[in-house]
Structure formats: structure tokens, C-alpha cells
Protein backbone atom coordinates (compact mmCIF):
# COMPACT_ATOMS: atom_id res chain seq x y z
CA UNK A 1 14.40 -6.41 19.99
CA UNK A 2 11.27 -7.84 18.74
CA UNK A 3 9.01 -5.80 16.27
CA UNK A 4 5.63 -5.18 17.55
CA UNK A 5 2.61 -6.97 16.33
CA UNK A 6 0.12 -5.46 14.37
CA UNK A 7 -3.00 -4.57 16.16
CA UNK A 8 -5.73 -7.10 16.61
CA UNK A 9 -8.94 -6.09 14.76
CA UNK A 10 -12.41 -7.20 15.00
CA UNK A 11 -13.69 -9.48 12.64
CA UNK A 12 -14.48 -8.02 9.31
CA UNK A 13 -12.17 -5.27 9.78
CA UNK A 14 -9.35 -4.78 7.22
CA UNK A 15 -5.77 -3.74 8.43
CA UNK A 16 -5.16 -0.22 8.03
CA UNK A 17 -3.82 0.88 4.71
CA UNK A 18 -0.23 1.67 5.92
CA UNK A 19 0.44 -1.78 6.91
CA UNK A 20 -0.07 -2.87 3.42
CA UNK A 21 2.45 -3.71 0.68
CA UNK A 22 0.32 -1.82 -1.82
CA UNK A 23 0.33 1.44 0.17
CA UNK A 24 4.11 1.51 0.36
CA UNK A 25 4.57 0.72 -3.44
CA UNK A 26 1.88 3.54 -4.29
CA UNK A 27 3.85 6.05 -2.22
CA UNK A 28 7.20 4.94 -3.82
CA UNK A 29 5.85 5.17 -7.32
CA UNK A 30 4.14 8.53 -6.28
CA UNK A 31 7.77 9.59 -5.13
CA UNK A 32 9.41 8.70 -8.29
CA UNK A 33 6.82 10.50 -10.66
CA UNK A 34 6.99 13.44 -8.69
CA UNK A 35 10.98 13.41 -9.19
CA UNK A 36 10.28 12.73 -12.83
CA UNK A 37 7.82 15.72 -13.55
CA UNK A 38 10.01 18.17 -11.35
CA UNK A 39 12.95 16.89 -13.51
CA UNK A 40 15.33 15.69 -10.63
CA UNK A 41 15.11 12.09 -12.32
CA UNK A 42 14.01 11.73 -15.86
CA UNK A 43 13.18 8.04 -16.81
CA UNK A 44 9.73 8.63 -18.78
CA UNK A 45 8.07 11.61 -20.61
CA UNK A 46 6.34 13.65 -18.08
CA UNK A 47 2.99 13.07 -19.63
CA UNK A 48 3.51 9.25 -19.31
CA UNK A 49 4.47 9.57 -15.54
CA UNK A 50 1.70 11.60 -14.55
CA UNK A 51 -0.87 9.13 -16.64
CA UNK A 52 0.95 6.09 -14.76
CA UNK A 53 0.60 7.55 -11.41
CA UNK A 54 -2.87 8.34 -12.08
CA UNK A 55 -3.55 4.56 -12.98
CA UNK A 56 -1.36 3.35 -10.04
CA UNK A 57 -3.67 5.47 -7.62
CA UNK A 58 -6.78 4.22 -9.41
CA UNK A 59 -5.69 0.68 -8.61
CA UNK A 60 -4.54 1.45 -5.16
CA UNK A 61 -7.79 3.01 -4.40
CA UNK A 62 -9.82 -0.04 -6.19
CA UNK A 63 -7.86 -2.62 -3.99
CA UNK A 64 -8.29 -0.78 -0.70
CA UNK A 65 -12.21 -0.61 -1.52
CA UNK A 66 -12.20 -4.27 -2.13
CA UNK A 67 -10.28 -4.93 1.15
CA UNK A 68 -13.23 -2.95 2.76
CA UNK A 69 -15.78 -5.18 1.27
CA UNK A 70 -16.03 -7.10 4.66
CA UNK A 71 -13.46 -9.79 4.05
CA UNK A 72 -12.29 -10.61 7.59
CA UNK A 73 -8.79 -9.92 7.90
CA UNK A 74 -6.88 -12.83 10.00
CA UNK A 75 -3.87 -11.83 11.74
CA UNK A 76 -0.80 -14.19 10.86
CA UNK A 77 0.01 -16.41 13.82
CA UNK A 78 2.20 -15.06 16.35
CA UNK A 79 5.99 -16.21 15.97
CA UNK A 80 6.44 -16.28 19.62
CA UNK A 81 3.63 -18.85 20.12
CA UNK A 82 4.67 -22.48 21.52
CA UNK A 83 3.61 -25.13 19.42
């Protein structure tokens, strides 16, 4: 079964955040930070975990802001298109 193609967006629109790798990596890092702060999985000191999460979230916000500066999003070519 083929996966659905991302929506076709007007020129000048960036793709939605949940289609980006940055979004999913930020969610994953926030989940790890939450597990660390609650004590379920201790992999770094809690203060470092909170600071690292703040930095990752700030970088995500900056990357989305840059993506929405009017740089046109061009969808990748369809794999089903005949050559």
C-alpha cells in the first residue's frame, strides 16, 4: 500500500511542522528530557536536561521561523511519475 503524498502547497508556503524532521527530533528530545526530569531514566543531571530542552526548543522555533520567511517549498517529485 502506497503512502499518501504530502499536500500540494501554494508557492511561498512552507510545509507543516509535523512533516519536518526537526519537529519529530524536538518531540523525541522533549520526551527524553521529561523522562529524565521525572527520574524514570536518568542520563544527565536535571538542570542540564532542562537547559538542553530549552536550547533545542529555541533552535526549533528559529528553524521554523526561517522556514516561514517566504522560501518556497517544492515538493519532491512523485515516485509514481513516468519518466
